[in-house]
PDB file of N, CA and C in Angstrom:
ATOM      1  N   MET A   1    -113.171  10.876 -47.135  1.00  0.00           N
ATOM      2  CA  MET A   1    -112.046  10.809 -46.101  1.00  0.00           C
ATOM      3  C   MET A   1    -111.078  11.655 -46.914  1.00  0.00           C
ATOM      4  N   ILE A   2    -110.529  12.971 -46.032  1.00  0.00           N
ATOM      5  CA  ILE A   2    -109.314  13.583 -46.488  1.00  0.00           C
ATOM      6  C   ILE A   2    -108.066  13.549 -45.775  1.00  0.00           C
ATOM      7  N   PRO A   3    -106.934  13.199 -46.015  1.00  0.00           N
ATOM      8  CA  PRO A   3    -105.890  13.328 -45.138  1.00  0.00           C
ATOM      9  C   PRO A   3    -105.877  14.808 -44.567  1.00  0.00           C
ATOM     10  N   ILE A   4    -105.282  14.949 -43.084  1.00  0.00           N
ATOM     11  CA  ILE A   4    -104.961  16.362 -42.560  1.00  0.00           C
ATOM     12  C   ILE A   4    -103.703  15.959 -41.831  1.00  0.00           C
ATOM     13  N   CYS A   5    -102.488  16.633 -42.515  1.00  0.00           N
ATOM     14  CA  CYS A   5    -101.092  16.693 -41.926  1.00  0.00           C
ATOM     15  C   CYS A   5    -101.159  17.862 -40.856  1.00  0.00           C
ATOM     16  N   LEU A   6    -100.922  17.845 -39.577  1.00  0.00           N
ATOM     17  CA  LEU A   6    -100.754  18.933 -38.418  1.00  0.00           C
ATOM     18  C   LEU A   6     -99.475  19.292 -38.430  1.00  0.00           C
ATOM     19  N   VAL A   7     -98.442  17.971 -38.144  1.00  0.00           N
ATOM     20  CA  VAL A   7     -96.974  17.885 -37.537  1.00  0.00           C
ATOM     21  C   VAL A   7     -96.228  18.346 -38.810  1.00  0.00           C
ATOM     22  N   SER A   8     -96.042  17.086 -39.762  1.00  0.00           N
ATOM     23  CA  SER A   8     -95.361  17.054 -40.763  1.00  0.00           C
ATOM     24  C   SER A   8     -96.210  17.079 -42.351  1.00  0.00           C
ATOM     25  N   GLU A   9     -95.547  18.080 -43.527  1.00  0.00           N
ATOM     26  CA  GLU A   9     -96.577  17.944 -44.442  1.00  0.00           C
ATOM     27  C   GLU A   9     -96.630  16.572 -45.106  1.00  0.00           C
ATOM     28  N   SER A  10     -95.964  15.360 -44.896  1.00  0.00           N
ATOM     29  CA  SER A  10     -95.804  14.324 -45.697  1.00  0.00           C
ATOM     30  C   SER A  10     -96.099  13.268 -45.119  1.00  0.00           C
ATOM     31  N   VAL A  11     -96.656  13.456 -43.460  1.00  0.00           N
ATOM     32  CA  VAL A  11     -97.125  12.152 -42.882  1.00  0.00           C
ATOM     33  C   VAL A  11     -98.854  12.702 -42.643  1.00  0.00           C
ATOM     34  N   PRO A  12     -99.776  12.314 -42.399  1.00  0.00           N
ATOM     35  CA  PRO A  12    -101.148  12.599 -41.987  1.00  0.00           C
ATOM     36  C   PRO A  12    -101.101  12.206 -40.780  1.00  0.00           C
ATOM     37  N   ASP A  13    -101.817  12.938 -40.332  1.00  0.00           N
ATOM     38  CA  ASP A  13    -102.138  12.907 -38.432  1.00  0.00           C
ATOM     39  C   ASP A  13    -103.828  12.241 -38.143  1.00  0.00           C
ATOM     40  N   LEU A  14    -104.620  12.677 -39.163  1.00  0.00           N
ATOM     41  CA  LEU A  14    -105.825  12.264 -38.917  1.00  0.00           C
ATOM     42  C   LEU A  14    -106.684  12.166 -40.141  1.00  0.00           C
ATOM     43  N   ALA A  15    -108.027  11.872 -40.344  1.00  0.00           N
ATOM     44  CA  ALA A  15    -108.817  11.937 -41.316  1.00  0.00           C
ATOM     45  C   ALA A  15    -109.968  12.712 -41.190  1.00  0.00           C
ATOM     46  N   LEU A  16    -110.081  13.781 -42.192  1.00  0.00           N
ATOM     47  CA  LEU A  16    -111.501  14.477 -42.001  1.00  0.00           C
ATOM     48  C   LEU A  16    -112.520  13.918 -42.624  1.00  0.00           C
ATOM     49  N   VAL A  17    -113.767  13.282 -42.232  1.00  0.00           N
ATOM     50  CA  VAL A  17    -114.725  12.758 -42.846  1.00  0.00           C
ATOM     51  C   VAL A  17    -115.689  14.036 -43.482  1.00  0.00           C
ATOM     52  N   VAL A  18    -115.688  13.638 -44.664  1.00  0.00           N
ATOM     53  CA  VAL A  18    -116.520  14.648 -45.416  1.00  0.00           C
ATOM     54  C   VAL A  18    -117.674  14.099 -46.538  1.00  0.00           C
ATOM     55  N   SER A  19    -118.613  15.173 -46.772  1.00  0.00           N
ATOM     56  CA  SER A  19    -119.663  14.798 -47.613  1.00  0.00           C
ATOM     57  C   SER A  19    -119.950  15.961 -48.396  1.00  0.00           C
ATOM     58  N   LYS A  20    -120.589  15.518 -50.050  1.00  0.00           N
ATOM     59  CA  LYS A  20    -120.585  16.856 -51.076  1.00  0.00           C
ATOM     60  C   LYS A  20    -122.142  17.079 -50.443  1.00  0.00           C
ATOM     61  N   ASN A  21    -122.394  18.406 -50.960  1.00  0.00           N
ATOM     62  CA  ASN A  21    -124.153  18.999 -50.583  1.00  0.00           C
ATOM     63  C   ASN A  21    -124.380  18.745 -51.880  1.00  0.00           C
ATOM     64  N   ALA A  22    -125.626  18.906 -51.737  1.00  0.00           N
ATOM     65  CA  ALA A  22    -126.822  18.350 -52.852  1.00  0.00           C
ATOM     66  C   ALA A  22    -126.468  19.195 -54.105  1.00  0.00           C
ATOM     67  N   ALA A  23    -125.847  20.150 -54.363  1.00  0.00           N
ATOM     68  CA  ALA A  23    -125.451  20.901 -55.726  1.00  0.00           C
ATOM     69  C   ALA A  23    -124.189  20.355 -55.948  1.00  0.00           C
ATOM     70  N   GLY A  24    -123.417  19.680 -55.124  1.00  0.00           N
ATOM     71  CA  GLY A  24    -121.968  19.141 -55.593  1.00  0.00           C
ATOM     72  C   GLY A  24    -120.956  19.877 -55.767  1.00  0.00           C
ATOM     73  N   ASN A  25    -120.864  21.059 -55.240  1.00  0.00           N
ATOM     74  CA  ASN A  25    -119.935  22.142 -55.725  1.00  0.00           C
ATOM     75  C   ASN A  25    -119.209  22.447 -54.177  1.00  0.00           C
ATOM     76  N   GLN A  26    -119.923  21.984 -52.902  1.00  0.00           N
ATOM     77  CA  GLN A  26    -119.096  21.929 -51.460  1.00  0.00           C
ATOM     78  C   GLN A  26    -118.997  20.919 -50.989  1.00  0.00           C
ATOM     79  N   TYR A  27    -118.218  20.894 -50.084  1.00  0.00           N
ATOM     80  CA  TYR A  27    -117.787  19.862 -48.940  1.00  0.00           C
ATOM     81  C   TYR A  27    -118.383  20.076 -47.488  1.00  0.00           C
ATOM     82  N   LEU A  28    -119.067  19.310 -46.865  1.00  0.00           N
ATOM     83  CA  LEU A  28    -119.396  19.485 -45.457  1.00  0.00           C
ATOM     84  C   LEU A  28    -118.444  18.381 -44.557  1.00  0.00           C
ATOM     85  N   GLY A  29    -117.683  19.075 -43.765  1.00  0.00           N
ATOM     86  CA  GLY A  29    -116.864  18.006 -42.611  1.00  0.00           C
ATOM     87  C   GLY A  29    -118.004  17.570 -41.752  1.00  0.00           C
ATOM     88  N   HIS A  30    -117.694  16.589 -41.311  1.00  0.00           N
ATOM     89  CA  HIS A  30    -118.613  15.823 -40.652  1.00  0.00           C
ATOM     90  C   HIS A  30    -117.686  15.469 -38.793  1.00  0.00           C
ATOM     91  N   THR A  31    -116.618  14.624 -39.027  1.00  0.00           N
ATOM     92  CA  THR A  31    -115.880  14.405 -38.165  1.00  0.00           C
ATOM     93  C   THR A  31    -114.547  14.003 -38.461  1.00  0.00           C
ATOM     94  N   CYS A  32    -113.456  14.343 -37.369  1.00  0.00           N
ATOM     95  CA  CYS A  32    -111.978  13.764 -37.456  1.00  0.00           C
ATOM     96  C   CYS A  32    -112.045  12.678 -37.014  1.00  0.00           C
ATOM     97  N   LEU A  33    -111.153  11.682 -37.565  1.00  0.00           N
ATOM     98  CA  LEU A  33    -110.955  10.253 -37.464  1.00  0.00           C
ATOM     99  C   LEU A  33    -109.033   9.971 -37.129  1.00  0.00           C
ATOM    100  N   THR A  34    -109.182   8.961 -36.145  1.00  0.00           N
ATOM    101  CA  THR A  34    -107.515   8.883 -36.087  1.00  0.00           C
ATOM    102  C   THR A  34    -107.589   8.197 -37.403  1.00  0.00           C
ATOM    103  N   LEU A  35    -106.059   7.851 -38.051  1.00  0.00           N
ATOM    104  CA  LEU A  35    -106.127   6.471 -38.919  1.00  0.00           C
ATOM    105  C   LEU A  35    -106.387   5.273 -38.875  1.00  0.00           C
ATOM    106  N   ASP A  36    -106.326   4.752 -37.930  1.00  0.00           N
ATOM    107  CA  ASP A  36    -106.679   3.666 -37.280  1.00  0.00           C
ATOM    108  C   ASP A  36    -108.184   3.394 -37.401  1.00  0.00           C
ATOM    109  N   MET A  37    -108.762   4.382 -37.174  1.00  0.00           N
ATOM    110  CA  MET A  37    -110.526   4.424 -37.361  1.00  0.00           C
ATOM    111  C   MET A  37    -110.912   4.836 -38.753  1.00  0.00           C
ATOM    112  N   ALA A  38    -109.968   5.548 -39.242  1.00  0.00           N
ATOM    113  CA  ALA A  38    -110.624   5.935 -40.973  1.00  0.00           C
ATOM    114  C   ALA A  38    -110.184   4.412 -41.287  1.00  0.00           C
ATOM    115  N   TYR A  39    -109.050   3.743 -41.333  1.00  0.00           N
ATOM    116  CA  TYR A  39    -108.637   2.532 -41.911  1.00  0.00           C
ATOM    117  C   TYR A  39    -110.039   1.330 -41.910  1.00  0.00           C
ATOM    118  N   ASN A  40    -110.235   1.506 -40.370  1.00  0.00           N
ATOM    119  CA  ASN A  40    -111.332   0.180 -40.191  1.00  0.00           C
ATOM    120  C   ASN A  40    -112.622   0.901 -41.069  1.00  0.00           C
ATOM    121  N   ASN A  41    -112.944   1.998 -40.743  1.00  0.00           N
ATOM    122  CA  ASN A  41    -114.271   2.489 -41.609  1.00  0.00           C
ATOM    123  C   ASN A  41    -114.308   2.305 -42.662  1.00  0.00           C
ATOM    124  N   ALA A  42    -113.024   2.591 -43.598  1.00  0.00           N
ATOM    125  CA  ALA A  42    -113.001   2.401 -45.376  1.00  0.00           C
ATOM    126  C   ALA A  42    -113.049   1.037 -45.497  1.00  0.00           C
ATOM    127  N   ARG A  43    -112.462  -0.264 -44.767  1.00  0.00           N
ATOM    128  CA  ARG A  43    -112.724  -1.128 -44.977  1.00  0.00           C
ATOM    129  C   ARG A  43    -114.015  -1.895 -45.055  1.00  0.00           C
ATOM    130  N   LEU A  44    -115.040  -1.022 -44.530  1.00  0.00           N
ATOM    131  CA  LEU A  44    -116.375  -1.415 -44.233  1.00  0.00           C
ATOM    132  C   LEU A  44    -117.091  -1.047 -45.600  1.00  0.00           C
ATOM    133  N   ILE A  45    -116.471  -0.224 -46.455  1.00  0.00           N
ATOM    134  CA  ILE A  45    -116.914   0.378 -47.694  1.00  0.00           C
ATOM    135  C   ILE A  45    -116.547  -0.630 -48.895  1.00  0.00           C
ATOM    136  N   ALA A  46    -115.037  -0.426 -49.014  1.00  0.00           N
ATOM    137  CA  ALA A  46    -114.402  -0.954 -49.926  1.00  0.00           C
ATOM    138  C   ALA A  46    -112.987  -0.904 -49.534  1.00  0.00           C
ATOM    139  N   ARG A  47    -112.239  -1.649 -50.421  1.00  0.00           N
ATOM    140  CA  ARG A  47    -110.342  -2.153 -49.984  1.00  0.00           C
ATOM    141  C   ARG A  47    -110.034  -0.735 -50.343  1.00  0.00           C
ATOM    142  N   PRO A  48    -109.550  -0.510 -48.783  1.00  0.00           N
ATOM    143  CA  PRO A  48    -108.386   0.530 -49.005  1.00  0.00           C
ATOM    144  C   PRO A  48    -107.409   0.614 -50.112  1.00  0.00           C
ATOM    145  N   ASP A  49    -106.996   1.500 -50.773  1.00  0.00           N
ATOM    146  CA  ASP A  49    -106.040   1.457 -51.671  1.00  0.00           C
ATOM    147  C   ASP A  49    -105.005   3.081 -51.588  1.00  0.00           C
ATOM    148  N   SER A  50    -105.277   3.753 -50.754  1.00  0.00           N
ATOM    149  CA  SER A  50    -104.693   4.733 -50.640  1.00  0.00           C
ATOM    150  C   SER A  50    -103.570   4.829 -49.721  1.00  0.00           C
ATOM    151  N   ALA A  51    -102.239   5.325 -50.187  1.00  0.00           N
ATOM    152  CA  ALA A  51    -101.137   4.926 -49.564  1.00  0.00           C
ATOM    153  C   ALA A  51    -101.086   5.690 -47.890  1.00  0.00           C
ATOM    154  N   TRP A  52    -101.661   6.811 -47.890  1.00  0.00           N
ATOM    155  CA  TRP A  52    -101.711   7.544 -46.727  1.00  0.00           C
ATOM    156  C   TRP A  52    -102.524   6.702 -45.467  1.00  0.00           C
ATOM    157  N   LEU A  53    -103.237   5.654 -45.900  1.00  0.00           N
ATOM    158  CA  LEU A  53    -104.277   5.088 -45.067  1.00  0.00           C
ATOM    159  C   LEU A  53    -103.544   3.708 -44.667  1.00  0.00           C
ATOM    160  N   ASN A  54    -102.469   3.479 -44.924  1.00  0.00           N
ATOM    161  CA  ASN A  54    -101.932   1.922 -44.685  1.00  0.00           C
ATOM    162  C   ASN A  54    -101.645   1.953 -43.056  1.00  0.00           C
ATOM    163  N   PRO A  55    -101.992   0.719 -42.587  1.00  0.00           N
ATOM    164  CA  PRO A  55    -101.969   0.605 -40.886  1.00  0.00           C
ATOM    165  C   PRO A  55    -100.463   1.057 -40.712  1.00  0.00           C
TER     166      PRO A  55
END
C-alpha cells in the first residue's frame, strides 16, 4: 500500500494497493482504499507499524 495525499502533503487521504510485476521493476495499482479499510486489511497480514496508517 502506498499513501496518497490529495488535500495536504502531510496527511494521507487514501491508500493505493499495488503489486510488483514479475520482473520486479514496475508496480501495478489495483484499487484505492480509505485509511480505515487499509488499516483493517493490513491487520490481516501483519501488525501495521506505519505512522500514516494509524486509525
